[in-house]
Amino acid sequence: PQVRAQFNRYDTWPAEARREMASVVAMLAEAVEQGHDEAPSLLAEIYNGGLGVPINHTKSHKYYTVAARGGNALCMMVLGNHYRDGRGCEQSHERAAEWWTKAVA
């Protein structure tokens, strides 16, 4: 757990690795715009975990939403958690329940 926590801390990444990750994020964002199926969930995870970028729950919520609307059941579950916790969005237990229900349908 400690190794993972350290890996996820943006400020512990070398500057070169952060620059490379910024390039990866830019390519994935472009892929989202082009409609690639896997790109939204990857970007959501990157922003949610702070993998080479600062944690940004607003952006992770945005990309989890795109992936969930595209049918990704795992992202539907996580999106429900975001609504439950008010992470990157306004808290709504009703919206959380809606996404969890969609995920298991």
PDB file of N, CA and C in Angstrom:
ATOM      1  N   PRO A   1       0.805  -1.212   0.000  1.00  0.00           N
ATOM      2  CA  PRO A   1       0.000   0.000   0.000  1.00  0.00           C
ATOM      3  C   PRO A   1       0.845   1.273   0.000  1.00  0.00           C
ATOM      4  N   GLN A   2       1.950   1.273   0.763  1.00  0.00           N
ATOM      5  CA  GLN A   2       2.768   2.470   0.833  1.00  0.00           C
ATOM      6  C   GLN A   2       3.425   2.765  -0.513  1.00  0.00           C
ATOM      7  N   VAL A   3       3.864   1.728  -1.223  1.00  0.00           N
ATOM      8  CA  VAL A   3       4.489   1.930  -2.530  1.00  0.00           C
ATOM      9  C   VAL A   3       3.471   2.531  -3.486  1.00  0.00           C
ATOM     10  N   ARG A   4       2.240   1.981  -3.493  1.00  0.00           N
ATOM     11  CA  ARG A   4       1.196   2.518  -4.369  1.00  0.00           C
ATOM     12  C   ARG A   4       0.887   3.964  -4.013  1.00  0.00           C
ATOM     13  N   ALA A   5       0.794   4.275  -2.737  1.00  0.00           N
ATOM     14  CA  ALA A   5       0.500   5.649  -2.315  1.00  0.00           C
ATOM     15  C   ALA A   5       1.602   6.589  -2.794  1.00  0.00           C
ATOM     16  N   GLN A   6       2.844   6.167  -2.686  1.00  0.00           N
ATOM     17  CA  GLN A   6       3.945   7.008  -3.138  1.00  0.00           C
ATOM     18  C   GLN A   6       3.924   7.156  -4.655  1.00  0.00           C
ATOM     19  N   PHE A   7       3.609   6.069  -5.380  1.00  0.00           N
ATOM     20  CA  PHE A   7       3.545   6.110  -6.835  1.00  0.00           C
ATOM     21  C   PHE A   7       2.472   7.088  -7.291  1.00  0.00           C
ATOM     22  N   ASN A   8       1.360   7.131  -6.580  1.00  0.00           N
ATOM     23  CA  ASN A   8       0.242   7.972  -6.972  1.00  0.00           C
ATOM     24  C   ASN A   8       0.460   9.442  -6.651  1.00  0.00           C
ATOM     25  N   ARG A   9       1.420   9.759  -5.814  1.00  0.00           N
ATOM     26  CA  ARG A   9       1.648  11.159  -5.439  1.00  0.00           C
ATOM     27  C   ARG A   9       2.353  11.894  -6.564  1.00  0.00           C
ATOM     28  N   TYR A  10       1.637  12.797  -7.174  1.00  0.00           N
ATOM     29  CA  TYR A  10       2.142  13.567  -8.308  1.00  0.00           C
ATOM     30  C   TYR A  10       3.467  14.248  -7.985  1.00  0.00           C
ATOM     31  N   ASP A  11       3.571  14.800  -6.787  1.00  0.00           N
ATOM     32  CA  ASP A  11       4.767  15.565  -6.442  1.00  0.00           C
ATOM     33  C   ASP A  11       6.007  14.698  -6.261  1.00  0.00           C
ATOM     34  N   THR A  12       5.865  13.379  -6.223  1.00  0.00           N
ATOM     35  CA  THR A  12       7.028  12.499  -6.102  1.00  0.00           C
ATOM     36  C   THR A  12       7.560  12.061  -7.468  1.00  0.00           C
ATOM     37  N   TRP A  13       6.831  12.359  -8.522  1.00  0.00           N
ATOM     38  CA  TRP A  13       7.266  11.965  -9.860  1.00  0.00           C
ATOM     39  C   TRP A  13       8.366  12.910 -10.342  1.00  0.00           C
ATOM     40  N   PRO A  14       9.386  12.384 -11.014  1.00  0.00           N
ATOM     41  CA  PRO A  14      10.400  13.259 -11.598  1.00  0.00           C
ATOM     42  C   PRO A  14       9.770  14.178 -12.641  1.00  0.00           C
ATOM     43  N   ALA A  15      10.360  15.340 -12.835  1.00  0.00           N
ATOM     44  CA  ALA A  15       9.813  16.329 -13.770  1.00  0.00           C
ATOM     45  C   ALA A  15       9.650  15.750 -15.170  1.00  0.00           C
ATOM     46  N   GLU A  16      10.621  14.970 -15.615  1.00  0.00           N
ATOM     47  CA  GLU A  16      10.539  14.388 -16.963  1.00  0.00           C
ATOM     48  C   GLU A  16       9.347  13.438 -17.082  1.00  0.00           C
ATOM     49  N   ALA A  17       9.106  12.649 -16.059  1.00  0.00           N
ATOM     50  CA  ALA A  17       7.970  11.725 -16.079  1.00  0.00           C
ATOM     51  C   ALA A  17       6.649  12.488 -16.091  1.00  0.00           C
ATOM     52  N   ARG A  18       6.581  13.589 -15.355  1.00  0.00           N
ATOM     53  CA  ARG A  18       5.358  14.408 -15.359  1.00  0.00           C
ATOM     54  C   ARG A  18       5.118  15.008 -16.741  1.00  0.00           C
ATOM     55  N   ARG A  19       6.190  15.446 -17.412  1.00  0.00           N
ATOM     56  CA  ARG A  19       6.044  15.994 -18.780  1.00  0.00           C
ATOM     57  C   ARG A  19       5.557  14.915 -19.738  1.00  0.00           C
ATOM     58  N   GLU A  20       6.113  13.709 -19.618  1.00  0.00           N
ATOM     59  CA  GLU A  20       5.684  12.613 -20.476  1.00  0.00           C
ATOM     60  C   GLU A  20       4.221  12.260 -20.218  1.00  0.00           C
ATOM     61  N   MET A  21       3.827  12.271 -18.944  1.00  0.00           N
ATOM     62  CA  MET A  21       2.447  11.951 -18.610  1.00  0.00           C
ATOM     63  C   MET A  21       1.512  13.029 -19.149  1.00  0.00           C
ATOM     64  N   ALA A  22       1.949  14.277 -19.129  1.00  0.00           N
ATOM     65  CA  ALA A  22       1.135  15.358 -19.695  1.00  0.00           C
ATOM     66  C   ALA A  22       0.889  15.109 -21.181  1.00  0.00           C
ATOM     67  N   SER A  23       1.893  14.574 -21.859  1.00  0.00           N
ATOM     68  CA  SER A  23       1.748  14.247 -23.276  1.00  0.00           C
ATOM     69  C   SER A  23       0.753  13.095 -23.468  1.00  0.00           C
ATOM     70  N   VAL A  24       0.827  12.100 -22.592  1.00  0.00           N
ATOM     71  CA  VAL A  24      -0.112  10.972 -22.647  1.00  0.00           C
ATOM     72  C   VAL A  24      -1.539  11.466 -22.422  1.00  0.00           C
ATOM     73  N   VAL A  25      -1.711  12.329 -21.441  1.00  0.00           N
ATOM     74  CA  VAL A  25      -3.036  12.880 -21.136  1.00  0.00           C
ATOM     75  C   VAL A  25      -3.576  13.651 -22.337  1.00  0.00           C
ATOM     76  N   ALA A  26      -2.734  14.433 -22.984  1.00  0.00           N
ATOM     77  CA  ALA A  26      -3.167  15.199 -24.160  1.00  0.00           C
ATOM     78  C   ALA A  26      -3.605  14.265 -25.286  1.00  0.00           C
ATOM     79  N   MET A  27      -2.854  13.192 -25.505  1.00  0.00           N
ATOM     80  CA  MET A  27      -3.228  12.225 -26.550  1.00  0.00           C
ATOM     81  C   MET A  27      -4.542  11.528 -26.209  1.00  0.00           C
ATOM     82  N   LEU A  28      -4.711  11.169 -24.937  1.00  0.00           N
ATOM     83  CA  LEU A  28      -5.959  10.521 -24.533  1.00  0.00           C
ATOM     84  C   LEU A  28      -7.142  11.470 -24.663  1.00  0.00           C
ATOM     85  N   ALA A  29      -6.954  12.740 -24.318  1.00  0.00           N
ATOM     86  CA  ALA A  29      -8.032  13.725 -24.460  1.00  0.00           C
ATOM     87  C   ALA A  29      -8.440  13.863 -25.924  1.00  0.00           C
ATOM     88  N   GLU A  30      -7.461  13.845 -26.806  1.00  0.00           N
ATOM     89  CA  GLU A  30      -7.752  13.897 -28.240  1.00  0.00           C
ATOM     90  C   GLU A  30      -8.498  12.633 -28.678  1.00  0.00           C
ATOM     91  N   ALA A  31      -8.092  11.494 -28.136  1.00  0.00           N
ATOM     92  CA  ALA A  31      -8.771  10.237 -28.460  1.00  0.00           C
ATOM     93  C   ALA A  31     -10.221  10.249 -27.992  1.00  0.00           C
ATOM     94  N   VAL A  32     -10.473  10.866 -26.837  1.00  0.00           N
ATOM     95  CA  VAL A  32     -11.858  11.002 -26.345  1.00  0.00           C
ATOM     96  C   VAL A  32     -12.663  11.807 -27.354  1.00  0.00           C
ATOM     97  N   GLU A  33     -12.095  12.921 -27.806  1.00  0.00           N
ATOM     98  CA  GLU A  33     -12.785  13.782 -28.776  1.00  0.00           C
ATOM     99  C   GLU A  33     -13.086  13.027 -30.077  1.00  0.00           C
ATOM    100  N   GLN A  34     -12.225  12.086 -30.429  1.00  0.00           N
ATOM    101  CA  GLN A  34     -12.412  11.301 -31.648  1.00  0.00           C
ATOM    102  C   GLN A  34     -13.326  10.101 -31.434  1.00  0.00           C
ATOM    103  N   GLY A  35     -13.787   9.901 -30.191  1.00  0.00           N
ATOM    104  CA  GLY A  35     -14.751   8.845 -29.918  1.00  0.00           C
ATOM    105  C   GLY A  35     -14.183   7.477 -29.598  1.00  0.00           C
ATOM    106  N   HIS A  36     -12.907   7.389 -29.235  1.00  0.00           N
ATOM    107  CA  HIS A  36     -12.322   6.104 -28.879  1.00  0.00           C
ATOM    108  C   HIS A  36     -12.911   5.607 -27.560  1.00  0.00           C
ATOM    109  N   ASP A  37     -13.316   4.347 -27.527  1.00  0.00           N
ATOM    110  CA  ASP A  37     -14.050   3.777 -26.393  1.00  0.00           C
ATOM    111  C   ASP A  37     -13.265   3.720 -25.088  1.00  0.00           C
ATOM    112  N   GLU A  38     -12.007   3.363 -25.140  1.00  0.00           N
ATOM    113  CA  GLU A  38     -11.243   3.145 -23.908  1.00  0.00           C
ATOM    114  C   GLU A  38     -10.653   4.425 -23.306  1.00  0.00           C
ATOM    115  N   ALA A  39     -10.491   5.443 -24.108  1.00  0.00           N
ATOM    116  CA  ALA A  39      -9.812   6.657 -23.651  1.00  0.00           C
ATOM    117  C   ALA A  39     -10.490   7.333 -22.450  1.00  0.00           C
ATOM    118  N   PRO A  40     -11.829   7.458 -22.409  1.00  0.00           N
ATOM    119  CA  PRO A  40     -12.423   8.151 -21.260  1.00  0.00           C
ATOM    120  C   PRO A  40     -12.147   7.461 -19.932  1.00  0.00           C
ATOM    121  N   SER A  41     -12.222   6.147 -19.902  1.00  0.00           N
ATOM    122  CA  SER A  41     -11.989   5.450 -18.634  1.00  0.00           C
ATOM    123  C   SER A  41     -10.528   5.569 -18.207  1.00  0.00           C
ATOM    124  N   LEU A  42      -9.615   5.557 -19.155  1.00  0.00           N
ATOM    125  CA  LEU A  42      -8.200   5.719 -18.819  1.00  0.00           C
ATOM    126  C   LEU A  42      -7.932   7.108 -18.239  1.00  0.00           C
ATOM    127  N   LEU A  43      -8.477   8.137 -18.889  1.00  0.00           N
ATOM    128  CA  LEU A  43      -8.297   9.495 -18.373  1.00  0.00           C
ATOM    129  C   LEU A  43      -8.942   9.660 -17.009  1.00  0.00           C
ATOM    130  N   ALA A  44     -10.105   9.065 -16.826  1.00  0.00           N
ATOM    131  CA  ALA A  44     -10.784   9.152 -15.527  1.00  0.00           C
ATOM    132  C   ALA A  44      -9.904   8.563 -14.429  1.00  0.00           C
ATOM    133  N   GLU A  45      -9.306   7.418 -14.692  1.00  0.00           N
ATOM    134  CA  GLU A  45      -8.437   6.778 -13.697  1.00  0.00           C
ATOM    135  C   GLU A  45      -7.196   7.614 -13.420  1.00  0.00           C
ATOM    136  N   ILE A  46      -6.629   8.184 -14.460  1.00  0.00           N
ATOM    137  CA  ILE A  46      -5.429   9.016 -14.299  1.00  0.00           C
ATOM    138  C   ILE A  46      -5.732  10.202 -13.391  1.00  0.00           C
ATOM    139  N   TYR A  47      -6.826  10.909 -13.671  1.00  0.00           N
ATOM    140  CA  TYR A  47      -7.176  12.076 -12.851  1.00  0.00           C
ATOM    141  C   TYR A  47      -7.669  11.680 -11.464  1.00  0.00           C
ATOM    142  N   ASN A  48      -8.369  10.580 -11.363  1.00  0.00           N
ATOM    143  CA  ASN A  48      -8.892  10.147 -10.068  1.00  0.00           C
ATOM    144  C   ASN A  48      -7.768   9.755  -9.116  1.00  0.00           C
ATOM    145  N   GLY A  49      -6.738   9.102  -9.663  1.00  0.00           N
ATOM    146  CA  GLY A  49      -5.641   8.634  -8.830  1.00  0.00           C
ATOM    147  C   GLY A  49      -4.431   9.543  -8.783  1.00  0.00           C
ATOM    148  N   GLY A  50      -4.432  10.598  -9.580  1.00  0.00           N
ATOM    149  CA  GLY A  50      -3.265  11.468  -9.614  1.00  0.00           C
ATOM    150  C   GLY A  50      -2.056  10.769 -10.181  1.00  0.00           C
ATOM    151  N   LEU A  51      -2.265   9.996 -11.235  1.00  0.00           N
ATOM    152  CA  LEU A  51      -1.174   9.225 -11.832  1.00  0.00           C
ATOM    153  C   LEU A  51      -0.360  10.096 -12.786  1.00  0.00           C
ATOM    154  N   GLY A  52       0.629  10.770 -12.238  1.00  0.00           N
ATOM    155  CA  GLY A  52       1.494  11.638 -13.039  1.00  0.00           C
ATOM    156  C   GLY A  52       0.908  13.008 -13.284  1.00  0.00           C
ATOM    157  N   VAL A  53      -0.280  13.248 -12.779  1.00  0.00           N
ATOM    158  CA  VAL A  53      -0.935  14.556 -12.852  1.00  0.00           C
ATOM    159  C   VAL A  53      -1.537  14.833 -11.477  1.00  0.00           C
ATOM    160  N   PRO A  54      -1.805  16.088 -11.165  1.00  0.00           N
ATOM    161  CA  PRO A  54      -2.484  16.344  -9.887  1.00  0.00           C
ATOM    162  C   PRO A  54      -3.873  15.702  -9.882  1.00  0.00           C
ATOM    163  N   ILE A  55      -4.295  15.189  -8.747  1.00  0.00           N
ATOM    164  CA  ILE A  55      -5.643  14.636  -8.631  1.00  0.00           C
ATOM    165  C   ILE A  55      -6.635  15.731  -8.978  1.00  0.00           C
ATOM    166  N   ASN A  56      -7.598  15.383  -9.832  1.00  0.00           N
ATOM    167  CA  ASN A  56      -8.620  16.341 -10.237  1.00  0.00           C
ATOM    168  C   ASN A  56      -9.941  15.588 -10.339  1.00  0.00           C
ATOM    169  N   HIS A  57     -10.736  15.657  -9.280  1.00  0.00           N
ATOM    170  CA  HIS A  57     -11.986  14.900  -9.245  1.00  0.00           C
ATOM    171  C   HIS A  57     -13.022  15.446 -10.224  1.00  0.00           C
ATOM    172  N   THR A  58     -12.960  16.723 -10.536  1.00  0.00           N
ATOM    173  CA  THR A  58     -13.894  17.277 -11.518  1.00  0.00           C
ATOM    174  C   THR A  58     -13.636  16.661 -12.887  1.00  0.00           C
ATOM    175  N   LYS A  59     -12.361  16.580 -13.273  1.00  0.00           N
ATOM    176  CA  LYS A  59     -12.031  15.966 -14.567  1.00  0.00           C
ATOM    177  C   LYS A  59     -12.279  14.465 -14.547  1.00  0.00           C
ATOM    178  N   SER A  60     -11.962  13.804 -13.447  1.00  0.00           N
ATOM    179  CA  SER A  60     -12.213  12.362 -13.400  1.00  0.00           C
ATOM    180  C   SER A  60     -13.708  12.092 -13.518  1.00  0.00           C
ATOM    181  N   HIS A  61     -14.523  12.915 -12.853  1.00  0.00           N
ATOM    182  CA  HIS A  61     -15.977  12.755 -12.945  1.00  0.00           C
ATOM    183  C   HIS A  61     -16.444  12.936 -14.388  1.00  0.00           C
ATOM    184  N   LYS A  62     -15.896  13.936 -15.052  1.00  0.00           N
ATOM    185  CA  LYS A  62     -16.256  14.202 -16.450  1.00  0.00           C
ATOM    186  C   LYS A  62     -15.981  12.968 -17.325  1.00  0.00           C
ATOM    187  N   TYR A  63     -14.808  12.396 -17.179  1.00  0.00           N
ATOM    188  CA  TYR A  63     -14.440  11.272 -18.042  1.00  0.00           C
ATOM    189  C   TYR A  63     -15.115   9.967 -17.609  1.00  0.00           C
ATOM    190  N   TYR A  64     -15.375   9.794 -16.322  1.00  0.00           N
ATOM    191  CA  TYR A  64     -16.175   8.637 -15.899  1.00  0.00           C
ATOM    192  C   TYR A  64     -17.574   8.733 -16.493  1.00  0.00           C
ATOM    193  N   THR A  65     -18.108   9.947 -16.573  1.00  0.00           N
ATOM    194  CA  THR A  65     -19.436  10.133 -17.158  1.00  0.00           C
ATOM    195  C   THR A  65     -19.450   9.746 -18.630  1.00  0.00           C
ATOM    196  N   VAL A  66     -18.451  10.179 -19.376  1.00  0.00           N
ATOM    197  CA  VAL A  66     -18.358   9.832 -20.798  1.00  0.00           C
ATOM    198  C   VAL A  66     -18.280   8.307 -20.963  1.00  0.00           C
ATOM    199  N   ALA A  67     -17.431   7.675 -20.160  1.00  0.00           N
ATOM    200  CA  ALA A  67     -17.263   6.221 -20.255  1.00  0.00           C
ATOM    201  C   ALA A  67     -18.544   5.490 -19.838  1.00  0.00           C
ATOM    202  N   ALA A  68     -19.184   5.975 -18.785  1.00  0.00           N
ATOM    203  CA  ALA A  68     -20.421   5.333 -18.311  1.00  0.00           C
ATOM    204  C   ALA A  68     -21.517   5.455 -19.356  1.00  0.00           C
ATOM    205  N   ARG A  69     -21.645   6.609 -19.952  1.00  0.00           N
ATOM    206  CA  ARG A  69     -22.658   6.797 -21.009  1.00  0.00           C
ATOM    207  C   ARG A  69     -22.366   5.925 -22.224  1.00  0.00           C
ATOM    208  N   GLY A  70     -21.093   5.561 -22.378  1.00  0.00           N
ATOM    209  CA  GLY A  70     -20.699   4.661 -23.461  1.00  0.00           C
ATOM    210  C   GLY A  70     -20.906   3.195 -23.130  1.00  0.00           C
ATOM    211  N   GLY A  71     -21.396   2.910 -21.912  1.00  0.00           N
ATOM    212  CA  GLY A  71     -21.724   1.535 -21.544  1.00  0.00           C
ATOM    213  C   GLY A  71     -20.725   0.838 -20.643  1.00  0.00           C
ATOM    214  N   ASN A  72     -19.714   1.530 -20.153  1.00  0.00           N
ATOM    215  CA  ASN A  72     -18.710   0.916 -19.289  1.00  0.00           C
ATOM    216  C   ASN A  72     -19.287   0.737 -17.879  1.00  0.00           C
ATOM    217  N   ALA A  73     -19.598  -0.511 -17.519  1.00  0.00           N
ATOM    218  CA  ALA A  73     -20.261  -0.796 -16.247  1.00  0.00           C
ATOM    219  C   ALA A  73     -19.392  -0.443 -15.043  1.00  0.00           C
ATOM    220  N   LEU A  74     -18.098  -0.695 -15.121  1.00  0.00           N
ATOM    221  CA  LEU A  74     -17.220  -0.340 -14.006  1.00  0.00           C
ATOM    222  C   LEU A  74     -17.240   1.169 -13.769  1.00  0.00           C
ATOM    223  N   CYS A  75     -17.206   1.942 -14.848  1.00  0.00           N
ATOM    224  CA  CYS A  75     -17.257   3.395 -14.715  1.00  0.00           C
ATOM    225  C   CYS A  75     -18.616   3.844 -14.181  1.00  0.00           C
ATOM    226  N   MET A  76     -19.674   3.118 -14.494  1.00  0.00           N
ATOM    227  CA  MET A  76     -20.986   3.429 -13.921  1.00  0.00           C
ATOM    228  C   MET A  76     -20.949   3.273 -12.404  1.00  0.00           C
ATOM    229  N   MET A  77     -20.305   2.225 -11.932  1.00  0.00           N
ATOM    230  CA  MET A  77     -20.187   2.004 -10.490  1.00  0.00           C
ATOM    231  C   MET A  77     -19.385   3.128  -9.832  1.00  0.00           C
ATOM    232  N   VAL A  78     -18.254   3.468 -10.425  1.00  0.00           N
ATOM    233  CA  VAL A  78     -17.407   4.518  -9.856  1.00  0.00           C
ATOM    234  C   VAL A  78     -18.138   5.858  -9.902  1.00  0.00           C
ATOM    235  N   LEU A  79     -18.854   6.119 -10.989  1.00  0.00           N
ATOM    236  CA  LEU A  79     -19.618   7.352 -11.097  1.00  0.00           C
ATOM    237  C   LEU A  79     -20.673   7.423  -9.995  1.00  0.00           C
ATOM    238  N   GLY A  80     -21.305   6.300  -9.709  1.00  0.00           N
ATOM    239  CA  GLY A  80     -22.234   6.251  -8.581  1.00  0.00           C
ATOM    240  C   GLY A  80     -21.549   6.615  -7.278  1.00  0.00           C
ATOM    241  N   ASN A  81     -20.343   6.116  -7.097  1.00  0.00           N
ATOM    242  CA  ASN A  81     -19.571   6.460  -5.891  1.00  0.00           C
ATOM    243  C   ASN A  81     -19.269   7.955  -5.841  1.00  0.00           C
ATOM    244  N   HIS A  82     -18.941   8.536  -7.002  1.00  0.00           N
ATOM    245  CA  HIS A  82     -18.675   9.978  -7.051  1.00  0.00           C
ATOM    246  C   HIS A  82     -19.905  10.755  -6.605  1.00  0.00           C
ATOM    247  N   TYR A  83     -21.069  10.365  -7.098  1.00  0.00           N
ATOM    248  CA  TYR A  83     -22.299  11.062  -6.688  1.00  0.00           C
ATOM    249  C   TYR A  83     -22.593  10.830  -5.208  1.00  0.00           C
ATOM    250  N   ARG A  84     -22.360   9.628  -4.735  1.00  0.00           N
ATOM    251  CA  ARG A  84     -22.589   9.344  -3.313  1.00  0.00           C
ATOM    252  C   ARG A  84     -21.736  10.248  -2.430  1.00  0.00           C
ATOM    253  N   ASP A  85     -20.471  10.430  -2.839  1.00  0.00           N
ATOM    254  CA  ASP A  85     -19.509  11.159  -2.022  1.00  0.00           C
ATOM    255  C   ASP A  85     -19.415  12.647  -2.372  1.00  0.00           C
ATOM    256  N   GLY A  86     -20.046  13.053  -3.477  1.00  0.00           N
ATOM    257  CA  GLY A  86     -19.904  14.436  -3.919  1.00  0.00           C
ATOM    258  C   GLY A  86     -18.505  14.730  -4.404  1.00  0.00           C
ATOM    259  N   ARG A  87     -17.881  13.755  -5.051  1.00  0.00           N
ATOM    260  CA  ARG A  87     -16.495  13.882  -5.526  1.00  0.00           C
ATOM    261  C   ARG A  87     -16.499  14.337  -6.988  1.00  0.00           C
ATOM    262  N   GLY A  88     -16.163  15.603  -7.221  1.00  0.00           N
ATOM    263  CA  GLY A  88     -16.141  16.136  -8.579  1.00  0.00           C
ATOM    264  C   GLY A  88     -17.512  16.541  -9.083  1.00  0.00           C
ATOM    265  N   CYS A  89     -18.508  16.485  -8.219  1.00  0.00           N
ATOM    266  CA  CYS A  89     -19.880  16.797  -8.587  1.00  0.00           C
ATOM    267  C   CYS A  89     -20.668  17.126  -7.323  1.00  0.00           C
ATOM    268  N   GLU A  90     -21.890  17.582  -7.520  1.00  0.00           N
ATOM    269  CA  GLU A  90     -22.760  17.820  -6.370  1.00  0.00           C
ATOM    270  C   GLU A  90     -23.235  16.466  -5.845  1.00  0.00           C
ATOM    271  N   GLN A  91     -23.203  16.292  -4.538  1.00  0.00           N
ATOM    272  CA  GLN A  91     -23.617  15.025  -3.940  1.00  0.00           C
ATOM    273  C   GLN A  91     -25.090  14.753  -4.227  1.00  0.00           C
ATOM    274  N   SER A  92     -25.372  13.520  -4.647  1.00  0.00           N
ATOM    275  CA  SER A  92     -26.754  13.131  -4.926  1.00  0.00           C
ATOM    276  C   SER A  92     -26.878  11.625  -4.764  1.00  0.00           C
ATOM    277  N   HIS A  93     -27.545  11.220  -3.700  1.00  0.00           N
ATOM    278  CA  HIS A  93     -27.744   9.789  -3.492  1.00  0.00           C
ATOM    279  C   HIS A  93     -28.681   9.205  -4.544  1.00  0.00           C
ATOM    280  N   GLU A  94     -29.590  10.029  -5.042  1.00  0.00           N
ATOM    281  CA  GLU A  94     -30.493   9.573  -6.103  1.00  0.00           C
ATOM    282  C   GLU A  94     -29.725   9.264  -7.376  1.00  0.00           C
ATOM    283  N   ARG A  95     -28.835  10.178  -7.783  1.00  0.00           N
ATOM    284  CA  ARG A  95     -28.020   9.942  -8.991  1.00  0.00           C
ATOM    285  C   ARG A  95     -27.083   8.760  -8.783  1.00  0.00           C
ATOM    286  N   ALA A  96     -26.553   8.623  -7.569  1.00  0.00           N
ATOM    287  CA  ALA A  96     -25.692   7.476  -7.266  1.00  0.00           C
ATOM    288  C   ALA A  96     -26.454   6.177  -7.491  1.00  0.00           C
ATOM    289  N   ALA A  97     -27.652   6.106  -6.952  1.00  0.00           N
ATOM    290  CA  ALA A  97     -28.468   4.894  -7.093  1.00  0.00           C
ATOM    291  C   ALA A  97     -28.803   4.617  -8.559  1.00  0.00           C
ATOM    292  N   GLU A  98     -29.062   5.679  -9.324  1.00  0.00           N
ATOM    293  CA  GLU A  98     -29.361   5.508 -10.753  1.00  0.00           C
ATOM    294  C   GLU A  98     -28.184   4.853 -11.480  1.00  0.00           C
ATOM    295  N   TRP A  99     -26.967   5.348 -11.215  1.00  0.00           N
ATOM    296  CA  TRP A  99     -25.796   4.800 -11.902  1.00  0.00           C
ATOM    297  C   TRP A  99     -25.488   3.383 -11.433  1.00  0.00           C
ATOM    298  N   TRP A 100     -25.632   3.119 -10.146  1.00  0.00           N
ATOM    299  CA  TRP A 100     -25.388   1.752  -9.668  1.00  0.00           C
ATOM    300  C   TRP A 100     -26.384   0.793 -10.281  1.00  0.00           C
ATOM    301  N   THR A 101     -27.642   1.217 -10.400  1.00  0.00           N
ATOM    302  CA  THR A 101     -28.673   0.363 -10.999  1.00  0.00           C
ATOM    303  C   THR A 101     -28.351   0.077 -12.458  1.00  0.00           C
ATOM    304  N   LYS A 102     -27.916   1.089 -13.209  1.00  0.00           N
ATOM    305  CA  LYS A 102     -27.530   0.899 -14.598  1.00  0.00           C
ATOM    306  C   LYS A 102     -26.357  -0.071 -14.717  1.00  0.00           C
ATOM    307  N   ALA A 103     -25.435   0.027 -13.773  1.00  0.00           N
ATOM    308  CA  ALA A 103     -24.220  -0.809 -13.832  1.00  0.00           C
ATOM    309  C   ALA A 103     -24.543  -2.290 -13.692  1.00  0.00           C
ATOM    310  N   VAL A 104     -25.536  -2.607 -12.924  1.00  0.00           N
ATOM    311  CA  VAL A 104     -25.830  -4.033 -12.682  1.00  0.00           C
ATOM    312  C   VAL A 104     -26.954  -4.559 -13.570  1.00  0.00           C
ATOM    313  N   ALA A 105     -27.503  -3.679 -14.423  1.00  0.00           N
ATOM    314  CA  ALA A 105     -28.599  -4.096 -15.308  1.00  0.00           C
ATOM    315  C   ALA A 105     -28.099  -4.988 -16.427  1.00  0.00           C
TER     316      ALA A 105
END
